[in-house]
Amino acid sequence: MYKDWASTADELSTLFKEVRKGQPDVAKGFSAIAQAATADGALSPKTKELIAVAISVATRCDGCIAFHTKAAVKHGATRDEILEMIGVSVYMGGGPSLTYGAQALEAYDQFAAQG
């Protein structure tokens, strides 16, 4: 196992609490953006989370991979969808996206195993 993705998400959530305490207005604003951006609309929440995972891979954000892969699993994303998303991410982001795509797949497998 390369990384324990559930622990990554949990640890970052704890750290984010401190930021929310110090910057409550920023945290509220970010939360409002997140809720609006991921709401059901022309694109389903699952599709939006797959997009978020792809961006996480392309921008090389471990925490983003953890949070958005967990959300993708919650919204019913399949392993095959994650693999296709990795293909698009590699196409758009090159070799570094392959490395982070492999990590996103590991995160998917760990979150999917949790049920």
PDB file of N, CA and C in Angstrom:
ATOM      1  N   MET A   1       0.850  -1.166   0.000  1.00  0.00           N
ATOM      2  CA  MET A   1       0.000   0.000   0.000  1.00  0.00           C
ATOM      3  C   MET A   1       0.901   1.236   0.000  1.00  0.00           C
ATOM      4  N   TYR A   2       0.655   2.128  -0.920  1.00  0.00           N
ATOM      5  CA  TYR A   2       1.420   3.362  -1.027  1.00  0.00           C
ATOM      6  C   TYR A   2       1.014   4.347   0.062  1.00  0.00           C
ATOM      7  N   LYS A   3      -0.292   4.497   0.260  1.00  0.00           N
ATOM      8  CA  LYS A   3      -0.788   5.474   1.227  1.00  0.00           C
ATOM      9  C   LYS A   3      -2.115   4.988   1.777  1.00  0.00           C
ATOM     10  N   ASP A   4      -2.379   5.313   3.024  1.00  0.00           N
ATOM     11  CA  ASP A   4      -3.683   5.038   3.633  1.00  0.00           C
ATOM     12  C   ASP A   4      -4.556   6.257   3.371  1.00  0.00           C
ATOM     13  N   TRP A   5      -5.406   6.156   2.366  1.00  0.00           N
ATOM     14  CA  TRP A   5      -6.173   7.312   1.884  1.00  0.00           C
ATOM     15  C   TRP A   5      -7.247   7.752   2.867  1.00  0.00           C
ATOM     16  N   ALA A   6      -7.833   6.817   3.600  1.00  0.00           N
ATOM     17  CA  ALA A   6      -8.828   7.200   4.606  1.00  0.00           C
ATOM     18  C   ALA A   6      -8.168   8.018   5.710  1.00  0.00           C
ATOM     19  N   SER A   7      -6.978   7.607   6.119  1.00  0.00           N
ATOM     20  CA  SER A   7      -6.243   8.377   7.132  1.00  0.00           C
ATOM     21  C   SER A   7      -5.855   9.749   6.603  1.00  0.00           C
ATOM     22  N   THR A   8      -5.475   9.812   5.339  1.00  0.00           N
ATOM     23  CA  THR A   8      -5.148  11.112   4.734  1.00  0.00           C
ATOM     24  C   THR A   8      -6.344  12.040   4.811  1.00  0.00           C
ATOM     25  N   ALA A   9      -7.517  11.544   4.434  1.00  0.00           N
ATOM     26  CA  ALA A   9      -8.730  12.373   4.482  1.00  0.00           C
ATOM     27  C   ALA A   9      -9.053  12.781   5.915  1.00  0.00           C
ATOM     28  N   ASP A  10      -8.947  11.836   6.844  1.00  0.00           N
ATOM     29  CA  ASP A  10      -9.252  12.135   8.249  1.00  0.00           C
ATOM     30  C   ASP A  10      -8.278  13.155   8.832  1.00  0.00           C
ATOM     31  N   GLU A  11      -6.992  12.972   8.570  1.00  0.00           N
ATOM     32  CA  GLU A  11      -5.985  13.886   9.106  1.00  0.00           C
ATOM     33  C   GLU A  11      -6.144  15.293   8.548  1.00  0.00           C
ATOM     34  N   LEU A  12      -6.420  15.390   7.259  1.00  0.00           N
ATOM     35  CA  LEU A  12      -6.632  16.712   6.665  1.00  0.00           C
ATOM     36  C   LEU A  12      -7.905  17.363   7.194  1.00  0.00           C
ATOM     37  N   SER A  13      -8.937  16.561   7.428  1.00  0.00           N
ATOM     38  CA  SER A  13     -10.174  17.113   7.999  1.00  0.00           C
ATOM     39  C   SER A  13      -9.897  17.744   9.362  1.00  0.00           C
ATOM     40  N   THR A  14      -9.053  17.094  10.148  1.00  0.00           N
ATOM     41  CA  THR A  14      -8.675  17.646  11.452  1.00  0.00           C
ATOM     42  C   THR A  14      -7.919  18.968  11.270  1.00  0.00           C
ATOM     43  N   LEU A  15      -6.990  18.997  10.331  1.00  0.00           N
ATOM     44  CA  LEU A  15      -6.241  20.229  10.082  1.00  0.00           C
ATOM     45  C   LEU A  15      -7.152  21.342   9.571  1.00  0.00           C
ATOM     46  N   PHE A  16      -8.116  20.978   8.727  1.00  0.00           N
ATOM     47  CA  PHE A  16      -9.032  21.982   8.180  1.00  0.00           C
ATOM     48  C   PHE A  16      -9.874  22.624   9.274  1.00  0.00           C
ATOM     49  N   LYS A  17     -10.155  21.886  10.342  1.00  0.00           N
ATOM     50  CA  LYS A  17     -10.917  22.459  11.462  1.00  0.00           C
ATOM     51  C   LYS A  17     -10.194  23.661  12.035  1.00  0.00           C
ATOM     52  N   GLU A  18      -8.881  23.581  12.119  1.00  0.00           N
ATOM     53  CA  GLU A  18      -8.095  24.701  12.638  1.00  0.00           C
ATOM     54  C   GLU A  18      -8.192  25.908  11.703  1.00  0.00           C
ATOM     55  N   VAL A  19      -8.148  25.652  10.416  1.00  0.00           N
ATOM     56  CA  VAL A  19      -8.281  26.745   9.452  1.00  0.00           C
ATOM     57  C   VAL A  19      -9.675  27.367   9.562  1.00  0.00           C
ATOM     58  N   ARG A  20     -10.696  26.517   9.716  1.00  0.00           N
ATOM     59  CA  ARG A  20     -12.070  27.032   9.856  1.00  0.00           C
ATOM     60  C   ARG A  20     -12.206  27.918  11.091  1.00  0.00           C
ATOM     61  N   LYS A  21     -11.528  27.540  12.178  1.00  0.00           N
ATOM     62  CA  LYS A  21     -11.564  28.365  13.386  1.00  0.00           C
ATOM     63  C   LYS A  21     -10.943  29.733  13.134  1.00  0.00           C
ATOM     64  N   GLY A  22      -9.822  29.745  12.438  1.00  0.00           N
ATOM     65  CA  GLY A  22      -9.094  30.989  12.205  1.00  0.00           C
ATOM     66  C   GLY A  22      -9.636  31.829  11.067  1.00  0.00           C
ATOM     67  N   GLN A  23     -10.291  31.179  10.110  1.00  0.00           N
ATOM     68  CA  GLN A  23     -10.823  31.870   8.939  1.00  0.00           C
ATOM     69  C   GLN A  23     -12.248  31.383   8.642  1.00  0.00           C
ATOM     70  N   PRO A  24     -13.182  31.628   9.550  1.00  0.00           N
ATOM     71  CA  PRO A  24     -14.525  31.088   9.381  1.00  0.00           C
ATOM     72  C   PRO A  24     -15.247  31.591   8.127  1.00  0.00           C
ATOM     73  N   ASP A  25     -15.050  32.839   7.758  1.00  0.00           N
ATOM     74  CA  ASP A  25     -15.731  33.359   6.577  1.00  0.00           C
ATOM     75  C   ASP A  25     -15.203  32.717   5.295  1.00  0.00           C
ATOM     76  N   VAL A  26     -13.893  32.515   5.233  1.00  0.00           N
ATOM     77  CA  VAL A  26     -13.298  31.841   4.074  1.00  0.00           C
ATOM     78  C   VAL A  26     -13.806  30.405   3.995  1.00  0.00           C
ATOM     79  N   ALA A  27     -13.834  29.723   5.134  1.00  0.00           N
ATOM     80  CA  ALA A  27     -14.304  28.340   5.171  1.00  0.00           C
ATOM     81  C   ALA A  27     -15.764  28.246   4.747  1.00  0.00           C
ATOM     82  N   LYS A  28     -16.593  29.148   5.221  1.00  0.00           N
ATOM     83  CA  LYS A  28     -18.009  29.149   4.826  1.00  0.00           C
ATOM     84  C   LYS A  28     -18.152  29.409   3.331  1.00  0.00           C
ATOM     85  N   GLY A  29     -17.369  30.335   2.816  1.00  0.00           N
ATOM     86  CA  GLY A  29     -17.421  30.629   1.389  1.00  0.00           C
ATOM     87  C   GLY A  29     -16.996  29.438   0.547  1.00  0.00           C
ATOM     88  N   PHE A  30     -15.919  28.781   0.965  1.00  0.00           N
ATOM     89  CA  PHE A  30     -15.454  27.605   0.234  1.00  0.00           C
ATOM     90  C   PHE A  30     -16.500  26.499   0.279  1.00  0.00           C
ATOM     91  N   SER A  31     -17.102  26.296   1.442  1.00  0.00           N
ATOM     92  CA  SER A  31     -18.140  25.272   1.583  1.00  0.00           C
ATOM     93  C   SER A  31     -19.328  25.574   0.678  1.00  0.00           C
ATOM     94  N   ALA A  32     -19.706  26.828   0.588  1.00  0.00           N
ATOM     95  CA  ALA A  32     -20.827  27.210  -0.286  1.00  0.00           C
ATOM     96  C   ALA A  32     -20.488  26.935  -1.749  1.00  0.00           C
ATOM     97  N   ILE A  33     -19.254  27.239  -2.148  1.00  0.00           N
ATOM     98  CA  ILE A  33     -18.826  26.945  -3.524  1.00  0.00           C
ATOM     99  C   ILE A  33     -18.872  25.448  -3.776  1.00  0.00           C
ATOM    100  N   ALA A  34     -18.356  24.669  -2.835  1.00  0.00           N
ATOM    101  CA  ALA A  34     -18.323  23.212  -2.995  1.00  0.00           C
ATOM    102  C   ALA A  34     -19.731  22.647  -3.135  1.00  0.00           C
ATOM    103  N   GLN A  35     -20.650  23.105  -2.302  1.00  0.00           N
ATOM    104  CA  GLN A  35     -22.029  22.608  -2.370  1.00  0.00           C
ATOM    105  C   GLN A  35     -22.685  22.985  -3.693  1.00  0.00           C
ATOM    106  N   ALA A  36     -22.476  24.211  -4.133  1.00  0.00           N
ATOM    107  CA  ALA A  36     -23.072  24.651  -5.397  1.00  0.00           C
ATOM    108  C   ALA A  36     -22.463  23.907  -6.583  1.00  0.00           C
ATOM    109  N   ALA A  37     -21.153  23.721  -6.553  1.00  0.00           N
ATOM    110  CA  ALA A  37     -20.466  23.086  -7.684  1.00  0.00           C
ATOM    111  C   ALA A  37     -20.790  21.607  -7.818  1.00  0.00           C
ATOM    112  N   THR A  38     -21.088  20.935  -6.707  1.00  0.00           N
ATOM    113  CA  THR A  38     -21.312  19.488  -6.762  1.00  0.00           C
ATOM    114  C   THR A  38     -22.787  19.100  -6.729  1.00  0.00           C
ATOM    115  N   ALA A  39     -23.667  20.084  -6.699  1.00  0.00           N
ATOM    116  CA  ALA A  39     -25.100  19.784  -6.670  1.00  0.00           C
ATOM    117  C   ALA A  39     -25.544  19.124  -7.975  1.00  0.00           C
ATOM    118  N   ASP A  40     -26.587  18.328  -7.887  1.00  0.00           N
ATOM    119  CA  ASP A  40     -27.144  17.668  -9.063  1.00  0.00           C
ATOM    120  C   ASP A  40     -27.654  18.721 -10.035  1.00  0.00           C
ATOM    121  N   GLY A  41     -27.337  18.544 -11.286  1.00  0.00           N
ATOM    122  CA  GLY A  41     -27.759  19.483 -12.325  1.00  0.00           C
ATOM    123  C   GLY A  41     -27.650  18.794 -13.666  1.00  0.00           C
ATOM    124  N   ALA A  42     -27.152  19.502 -14.668  1.00  0.00           N
ATOM    125  CA  ALA A  42     -26.946  18.896 -15.988  1.00  0.00           C
ATOM    126  C   ALA A  42     -25.958  17.739 -15.885  1.00  0.00           C
ATOM    127  N   LEU A  43     -25.001  17.855 -14.961  1.00  0.00           N
ATOM    128  CA  LEU A  43     -24.082  16.760 -14.661  1.00  0.00           C
ATOM    129  C   LEU A  43     -24.448  16.193 -13.301  1.00  0.00           C
ATOM    130  N   SER A  44     -24.363  14.889 -13.178  1.00  0.00           N
ATOM    131  CA  SER A  44     -24.658  14.243 -11.898  1.00  0.00           C
ATOM    132  C   SER A  44     -23.536  14.511 -10.902  1.00  0.00           C
ATOM    133  N   PRO A  45     -23.834  14.385  -9.591  1.00  0.00           N
ATOM    134  CA  PRO A  45     -22.758  14.512  -8.607  1.00  0.00           C
ATOM    135  C   PRO A  45     -21.613  13.522  -8.851  1.00  0.00           C
ATOM    136  N   LYS A  46     -21.935  12.307  -9.319  1.00  0.00           N
ATOM    137  CA  LYS A  46     -20.881  11.327  -9.614  1.00  0.00           C
ATOM    138  C   LYS A  46     -19.964  11.845 -10.715  1.00  0.00           C
ATOM    139  N   THR A  47     -20.533  12.371 -11.791  1.00  0.00           N
ATOM    140  CA  THR A  47     -19.728  12.894 -12.888  1.00  0.00           C
ATOM    141  C   THR A  47     -18.867  14.055 -12.413  1.00  0.00           C
ATOM    142  N   LYS A  48     -19.443  14.913 -11.587  1.00  0.00           N
ATOM    143  CA  LYS A  48     -18.688  16.050 -11.069  1.00  0.00           C
ATOM    144  C   LYS A  48     -17.538  15.587 -10.188  1.00  0.00           C
ATOM    145  N   GLU A  49     -17.734  14.540  -9.412  1.00  0.00           N
ATOM    146  CA  GLU A  49     -16.641  14.026  -8.574  1.00  0.00           C
ATOM    147  C   GLU A  49     -15.570  13.355  -9.430  1.00  0.00           C
ATOM    148  N   LEU A  50     -15.961  12.684 -10.503  1.00  0.00           N
ATOM    149  CA  LEU A  50     -14.963  12.123 -11.415  1.00  0.00           C
ATOM    150  C   LEU A  50     -14.126  13.240 -12.041  1.00  0.00           C
ATOM    151  N   ILE A  51     -14.760  14.335 -12.394  1.00  0.00           N
ATOM    152  CA  ILE A  51     -14.026  15.489 -12.914  1.00  0.00           C
ATOM    153  C   ILE A  51     -13.072  16.014 -11.842  1.00  0.00           C
ATOM    154  N   ALA A  52     -13.557  16.101 -10.613  1.00  0.00           N
ATOM    155  CA  ALA A  52     -12.721  16.602  -9.515  1.00  0.00           C
ATOM    156  C   ALA A  52     -11.526  15.681  -9.275  1.00  0.00           C
ATOM    157  N   VAL A  53     -11.722  14.367  -9.376  1.00  0.00           N
ATOM    158  CA  VAL A  53     -10.594  13.444  -9.217  1.00  0.00           C
ATOM    159  C   VAL A  53      -9.598  13.655 -10.358  1.00  0.00           C
ATOM    160  N   ALA A  54     -10.100  13.827 -11.582  1.00  0.00           N
ATOM    161  CA  ALA A  54      -9.209  14.054 -12.723  1.00  0.00           C
ATOM    162  C   ALA A  54      -8.374  15.314 -12.518  1.00  0.00           C
ATOM    163  N   ILE A  55      -8.991  16.370 -12.047  1.00  0.00           N
ATOM    164  CA  ILE A  55      -8.251  17.610 -11.780  1.00  0.00           C
ATOM    165  C   ILE A  55      -7.267  17.390 -10.633  1.00  0.00           C
ATOM    166  N   SER A  56      -7.672  16.623  -9.629  1.00  0.00           N
ATOM    167  CA  SER A  56      -6.779  16.311  -8.508  1.00  0.00           C
ATOM    168  C   SER A  56      -5.526  15.594  -8.977  1.00  0.00           C
ATOM    169  N   VAL A  57      -5.713  14.643  -9.899  1.00  0.00           N
ATOM    170  CA  VAL A  57      -4.586  13.899 -10.457  1.00  0.00           C
ATOM    171  C   VAL A  57      -3.697  14.843 -11.266  1.00  0.00           C
ATOM    172  N   ALA A  58      -4.304  15.638 -12.143  1.00  0.00           N
ATOM    173  CA  ALA A  58      -3.525  16.512 -13.021  1.00  0.00           C
ATOM    174  C   ALA A  58      -2.780  17.596 -12.248  1.00  0.00           C
ATOM    175  N   THR A  59      -3.344  18.039 -11.117  1.00  0.00           N
ATOM    176  CA  THR A  59      -2.685  19.086 -10.324  1.00  0.00           C
ATOM    177  C   THR A  59      -1.837  18.510  -9.195  1.00  0.00           C
ATOM    178  N   ARG A  60      -1.831  17.182  -9.058  1.00  0.00           N
ATOM    179  CA  ARG A  60      -0.996  16.476  -8.093  1.00  0.00           C
ATOM    180  C   ARG A  60      -1.312  16.847  -6.652  1.00  0.00           C
ATOM    181  N   CYS A  61      -2.593  16.762  -6.308  1.00  0.00           N
ATOM    182  CA  CYS A  61      -3.051  17.138  -4.959  1.00  0.00           C
ATOM    183  C   CYS A  61      -3.499  15.891  -4.203  1.00  0.00           C
ATOM    184  N   ASP A  62      -2.655  15.394  -3.295  1.00  0.00           N
ATOM    185  CA  ASP A  62      -2.971  14.179  -2.535  1.00  0.00           C
ATOM    186  C   ASP A  62      -4.284  14.320  -1.763  1.00  0.00           C
ATOM    187  N   GLY A  63      -4.437  15.413  -1.044  1.00  0.00           N
ATOM    188  CA  GLY A  63      -5.654  15.614  -0.260  1.00  0.00           C
ATOM    189  C   GLY A  63      -6.888  15.652  -1.134  1.00  0.00           C
ATOM    190  N   CYS A  64      -6.768  16.298  -2.279  1.00  0.00           N
ATOM    191  CA  CYS A  64      -7.901  16.365  -3.222  1.00  0.00           C
ATOM    192  C   CYS A  64      -8.258  14.972  -3.730  1.00  0.00           C
ATOM    193  N   ILE A  65      -7.224  14.169  -4.025  1.00  0.00           N
ATOM    194  CA  ILE A  65      -7.469  12.788  -4.455  1.00  0.00           C
ATOM    195  C   ILE A  65      -8.242  12.052  -3.367  1.00  0.00           C
ATOM    196  N   ALA A  66      -7.819  12.196  -2.125  1.00  0.00           N
ATOM    197  CA  ALA A  66      -8.484  11.493  -1.022  1.00  0.00           C
ATOM    198  C   ALA A  66      -9.946  11.901  -0.911  1.00  0.00           C
ATOM    199  N   PHE A  67     -10.205  13.197  -0.839  1.00  0.00           N
ATOM    200  CA  PHE A  67     -11.581  13.670  -0.630  1.00  0.00           C
ATOM    201  C   PHE A  67     -12.492  13.367  -1.823  1.00  0.00           C
ATOM    202  N   HIS A  68     -11.995  13.617  -3.029  1.00  0.00           N
ATOM    203  CA  HIS A  68     -12.872  13.467  -4.196  1.00  0.00           C
ATOM    204  C   HIS A  68     -13.032  12.015  -4.628  1.00  0.00           C
ATOM    205  N   THR A  69     -12.025  11.172  -4.390  1.00  0.00           N
ATOM    206  CA  THR A  69     -12.199   9.743  -4.670  1.00  0.00           C
ATOM    207  C   THR A  69     -13.203   9.143  -3.694  1.00  0.00           C
ATOM    208  N   LYS A  70     -13.106   9.533  -2.432  1.00  0.00           N
ATOM    209  CA  LYS A  70     -14.081   9.076  -1.437  1.00  0.00           C
ATOM    210  C   LYS A  70     -15.497   9.490  -1.850  1.00  0.00           C
ATOM    211  N   ALA A  71     -15.651  10.733  -2.300  1.00  0.00           N
ATOM    212  CA  ALA A  71     -16.965  11.212  -2.740  1.00  0.00           C
ATOM    213  C   ALA A  71     -17.422  10.493  -4.010  1.00  0.00           C
ATOM    214  N   ALA A  72     -16.495  10.202  -4.912  1.00  0.00           N
ATOM    215  CA  ALA A  72     -16.858   9.477  -6.140  1.00  0.00           C
ATOM    216  C   ALA A  72     -17.398   8.093  -5.798  1.00  0.00           C
ATOM    217  N   VAL A  73     -16.745   7.408  -4.856  1.00  0.00           N
ATOM    218  CA  VAL A  73     -17.235   6.098  -4.413  1.00  0.00           C
ATOM    219  C   VAL A  73     -18.634   6.254  -3.822  1.00  0.00           C
ATOM    220  N   LYS A  74     -18.812   7.251  -2.974  1.00  0.00           N
ATOM    221  CA  LYS A  74     -20.109   7.497  -2.339  1.00  0.00           C
ATOM    222  C   LYS A  74     -21.213   7.700  -3.388  1.00  0.00           C
ATOM    223  N   HIS A  75     -20.866   8.330  -4.491  1.00  0.00           N
ATOM    224  CA  HIS A  75     -21.855   8.606  -5.541  1.00  0.00           C
ATOM    225  C   HIS A  75     -21.944   7.492  -6.584  1.00  0.00           C
ATOM    226  N   GLY A  76     -21.269   6.365  -6.334  1.00  0.00           N
ATOM    227  CA  GLY A  76     -21.444   5.191  -7.183  1.00  0.00           C
ATOM    228  C   GLY A  76     -20.464   5.036  -8.328  1.00  0.00           C
ATOM    229  N   ALA A  77     -19.359   5.759  -8.322  1.00  0.00           N
ATOM    230  CA  ALA A  77     -18.365   5.590  -9.385  1.00  0.00           C
ATOM    231  C   ALA A  77     -17.803   4.169  -9.344  1.00  0.00           C
ATOM    232  N   THR A  78     -17.551   3.635 -10.508  1.00  0.00           N
ATOM    233  CA  THR A  78     -16.992   2.286 -10.610  1.00  0.00           C
ATOM    234  C   THR A  78     -15.485   2.354 -10.809  1.00  0.00           C
ATOM    235  N   ARG A  79     -14.843   1.249 -10.596  1.00  0.00           N
ATOM    236  CA  ARG A  79     -13.398   1.158 -10.822  1.00  0.00           C
ATOM    237  C   ARG A  79     -13.078   1.426 -12.288  1.00  0.00           C
ATOM    238  N   ASP A  80     -13.902   0.908 -13.199  1.00  0.00           N
ATOM    239  CA  ASP A  80     -13.679   1.159 -14.626  1.00  0.00           C
ATOM    240  C   ASP A  80     -13.782   2.647 -14.949  1.00  0.00           C
ATOM    241  N   GLU A  81     -14.711   3.345 -14.317  1.00  0.00           N
ATOM    242  CA  GLU A  81     -14.817   4.792 -14.535  1.00  0.00           C
ATOM    243  C   GLU A  81     -13.577   5.512 -14.027  1.00  0.00           C
ATOM    244  N   ILE A  82     -13.073   5.083 -12.878  1.00  0.00           N
ATOM    245  CA  ILE A  82     -11.848   5.677 -12.340  1.00  0.00           C
ATOM    246  C   ILE A  82     -10.690   5.419 -13.304  1.00  0.00           C
ATOM    247  N   LEU A  83     -10.586   4.208 -13.826  1.00  0.00           N
ATOM    248  CA  LEU A  83      -9.509   3.893 -14.767  1.00  0.00           C
ATOM    249  C   LEU A  83      -9.603   4.738 -16.036  1.00  0.00           C
ATOM    250  N   GLU A  84     -10.814   4.925 -16.581  1.00  0.00           N
ATOM    251  CA  GLU A  84     -10.957   5.777 -17.770  1.00  0.00           C
ATOM    252  C   GLU A  84     -10.608   7.220 -17.451  1.00  0.00           C
ATOM    253  N   MET A  85     -11.010   7.682 -16.269  1.00  0.00           N
ATOM    254  CA  MET A  85     -10.681   9.031 -15.836  1.00  0.00           C
ATOM    255  C   MET A  85      -9.167   9.193 -15.749  1.00  0.00           C
ATOM    256  N   ILE A  86      -8.472   8.159 -15.244  1.00  0.00           N
ATOM    257  CA  ILE A  86      -7.013   8.208 -15.178  1.00  0.00           C
ATOM    258  C   ILE A  86      -6.435   8.346 -16.585  1.00  0.00           C
ATOM    259  N   GLY A  87      -6.998   7.621 -17.541  1.00  0.00           N
ATOM    260  CA  GLY A  87      -6.531   7.731 -18.929  1.00  0.00           C
ATOM    261  C   GLY A  87      -6.626   9.152 -19.457  1.00  0.00           C
ATOM    262  N   VAL A  88      -7.728   9.817 -19.197  1.00  0.00           N
ATOM    263  CA  VAL A  88      -7.893  11.204 -19.641  1.00  0.00           C
ATOM    264  C   VAL A  88      -6.916  12.116 -18.902  1.00  0.00           C
ATOM    265  N   SER A  89      -6.728  11.860 -17.613  1.00  0.00           N
ATOM    266  CA  SER A  89      -5.800  12.677 -16.825  1.00  0.00           C
ATOM    267  C   SER A  89      -4.368  12.539 -17.335  1.00  0.00           C
ATOM    268  N   VAL A  90      -3.973  11.322 -17.683  1.00  0.00           N
ATOM    269  CA  VAL A  90      -2.629  11.102 -18.219  1.00  0.00           C
ATOM    270  C   VAL A  90      -2.497  11.801 -19.570  1.00  0.00           C
ATOM    271  N   TYR A  91      -3.510  11.694 -20.390  1.00  0.00           N
ATOM    272  CA  TYR A  91      -3.509  12.375 -21.690  1.00  0.00           C
ATOM    273  C   TYR A  91      -3.300  13.881 -21.503  1.00  0.00           C
ATOM    274  N   MET A  92      -3.973  14.466 -20.521  1.00  0.00           N
ATOM    275  CA  MET A  92      -3.906  15.907 -20.306  1.00  0.00           C
ATOM    276  C   MET A  92      -2.704  16.334 -19.469  1.00  0.00           C
ATOM    277  N   GLY A  93      -2.224  15.447 -18.590  1.00  0.00           N
ATOM    278  CA  GLY A  93      -1.180  15.861 -17.652  1.00  0.00           C
ATOM    279  C   GLY A  93       0.150  15.154 -17.796  1.00  0.00           C
ATOM    280  N   GLY A  94       0.274  14.204 -18.704  1.00  0.00           N
ATOM    281  CA  GLY A  94       1.542  13.532 -18.934  1.00  0.00           C
ATOM    282  C   GLY A  94       1.944  12.565 -17.828  1.00  0.00           C
ATOM    283  N   GLY A  95       3.235  12.295 -17.757  1.00  0.00           N
ATOM    284  CA  GLY A  95       3.788  11.318 -16.831  1.00  0.00           C
ATOM    285  C   GLY A  95       3.432  11.531 -15.371  1.00  0.00           C
ATOM    286  N   PRO A  96       3.492  12.775 -14.859  1.00  0.00           N
ATOM    287  CA  PRO A  96       3.109  12.966 -13.463  1.00  0.00           C
ATOM    288  C   PRO A  96       1.665  12.530 -13.190  1.00  0.00           C
ATOM    289  N   SER A  97       0.797  12.688 -14.168  1.00  0.00           N
ATOM    290  CA  SER A  97      -0.581  12.251 -13.974  1.00  0.00           C
ATOM    291  C   SER A  97      -0.690  10.742 -13.897  1.00  0.00           C
ATOM    292  N   LEU A  98       0.215  10.022 -14.558  1.00  0.00           N
ATOM    293  CA  LEU A  98       0.214   8.562 -14.436  1.00  0.00           C
ATOM    294  C   LEU A  98       0.539   8.160 -12.998  1.00  0.00           C
ATOM    295  N   THR A  99       1.516   8.825 -12.398  1.00  0.00           N
ATOM    296  CA  THR A  99       1.884   8.541 -11.013  1.00  0.00           C
ATOM    297  C   THR A  99       0.724   8.834 -10.072  1.00  0.00           C
ATOM    298  N   TYR A 100       0.121  10.002 -10.212  1.00  0.00           N
ATOM    299  CA  TYR A 100      -0.989  10.366  -9.331  1.00  0.00           C
ATOM    300  C   TYR A 100      -2.259   9.602  -9.681  1.00  0.00           C
ATOM    301  N   GLY A 101      -2.403   9.210 -10.940  1.00  0.00           N
ATOM    302  CA  GLY A 101      -3.535   8.372 -11.323  1.00  0.00           C
ATOM    303  C   GLY A 101      -3.477   7.020 -10.644  1.00  0.00           C
ATOM    304  N   ALA A 102      -2.279   6.444 -10.569  1.00  0.00           N
ATOM    305  CA  ALA A 102      -2.112   5.167  -9.865  1.00  0.00           C
ATOM    306  C   ALA A 102      -2.489   5.323  -8.394  1.00  0.00           C
ATOM    307  N   GLN A 103      -2.144   6.468  -7.806  1.00  0.00           N
ATOM    308  CA  GLN A 103      -2.514   6.721  -6.419  1.00  0.00           C
ATOM    309  C   GLN A 103      -4.028   6.876  -6.280  1.00  0.00           C
ATOM    310  N   ALA A 104      -4.672   7.531  -7.244  1.00  0.00           N
ATOM    311  CA  ALA A 104      -6.129   7.673  -7.206  1.00  0.00           C
ATOM    312  C   ALA A 104      -6.810   6.316  -7.302  1.00  0.00           C
ATOM    313  N   LEU A 105      -6.250   5.408  -8.102  1.00  0.00           N
ATOM    314  CA  LEU A 105      -6.808   4.059  -8.201  1.00  0.00           C
ATOM    315  C   LEU A 105      -6.681   3.334  -6.872  1.00  0.00           C
ATOM    316  N   GLU A 106      -5.533   3.476  -6.226  1.00  0.00           N
ATOM    317  CA  GLU A 106      -5.363   2.862  -4.908  1.00  0.00           C
ATOM    318  C   GLU A 106      -6.378   3.450  -3.928  1.00  0.00           C
ATOM    319  N   ALA A 107      -6.575   4.769  -3.971  1.00  0.00           N
ATOM    320  CA  ALA A 107      -7.555   5.414  -3.089  1.00  0.00           C
ATOM    321  C   ALA A 107      -8.942   4.858  -3.366  1.00  0.00           C
ATOM    322  N   TYR A 108      -9.305   4.714  -4.642  1.00  0.00           N
ATOM    323  CA  TYR A 108     -10.612   4.140  -4.995  1.00  0.00           C
ATOM    324  C   TYR A 108     -10.754   2.746  -4.388  1.00  0.00           C
ATOM    325  N   ASP A 109      -9.756   1.910  -4.586  1.00  0.00           N
ATOM    326  CA  ASP A 109      -9.830   0.526  -4.086  1.00  0.00           C
ATOM    327  C   ASP A 109     -10.007   0.506  -2.556  1.00  0.00           C
ATOM    328  N   GLN A 110      -9.305   1.380  -1.863  1.00  0.00           N
ATOM    329  CA  GLN A 110      -9.428   1.417  -0.408  1.00  0.00           C
ATOM    330  C   GLN A 110     -10.811   1.893   0.024  1.00  0.00           C
ATOM    331  N   PHE A 111     -11.326   2.967  -0.577  1.00  0.00           N
ATOM    332  CA  PHE A 111     -12.641   3.476  -0.192  1.00  0.00           C
ATOM    333  C   PHE A 111     -13.760   2.510  -0.596  1.00  0.00           C
ATOM    334  N   ALA A 112     -13.627   1.877  -1.770  1.00  0.00           N
ATOM    335  CA  ALA A 112     -14.642   0.917  -2.211  1.00  0.00           C
ATOM    336  C   ALA A 112     -14.689  -0.294  -1.286  1.00  0.00           C
ATOM    337  N   ALA A 113     -13.544  -0.705  -0.771  1.00  0.00           N
ATOM    338  CA  ALA A 113     -13.492  -1.848   0.148  1.00  0.00           C
ATOM    339  C   ALA A 113     -14.160  -1.550   1.489  1.00  0.00           C
ATOM    340  N   GLN A 114     -14.219  -0.274   1.838  1.00  0.00           N
ATOM    341  CA  GLN A 114     -14.879   0.124   3.091  1.00  0.00           C
ATOM    342  C   GLN A 114     -16.397   0.038   2.994  1.00  0.00           C
ATOM    343  N   GLY A 115     -16.894  -0.028   1.759  1.00  0.00           N
ATOM    344  CA  GLY A 115     -18.341  -0.143   1.556  1.00  0.00           C
ATOM    345  C   GLY A 115     -18.968   1.138   1.506  1.00  0.00           C
TER     346      GLY A 115
END
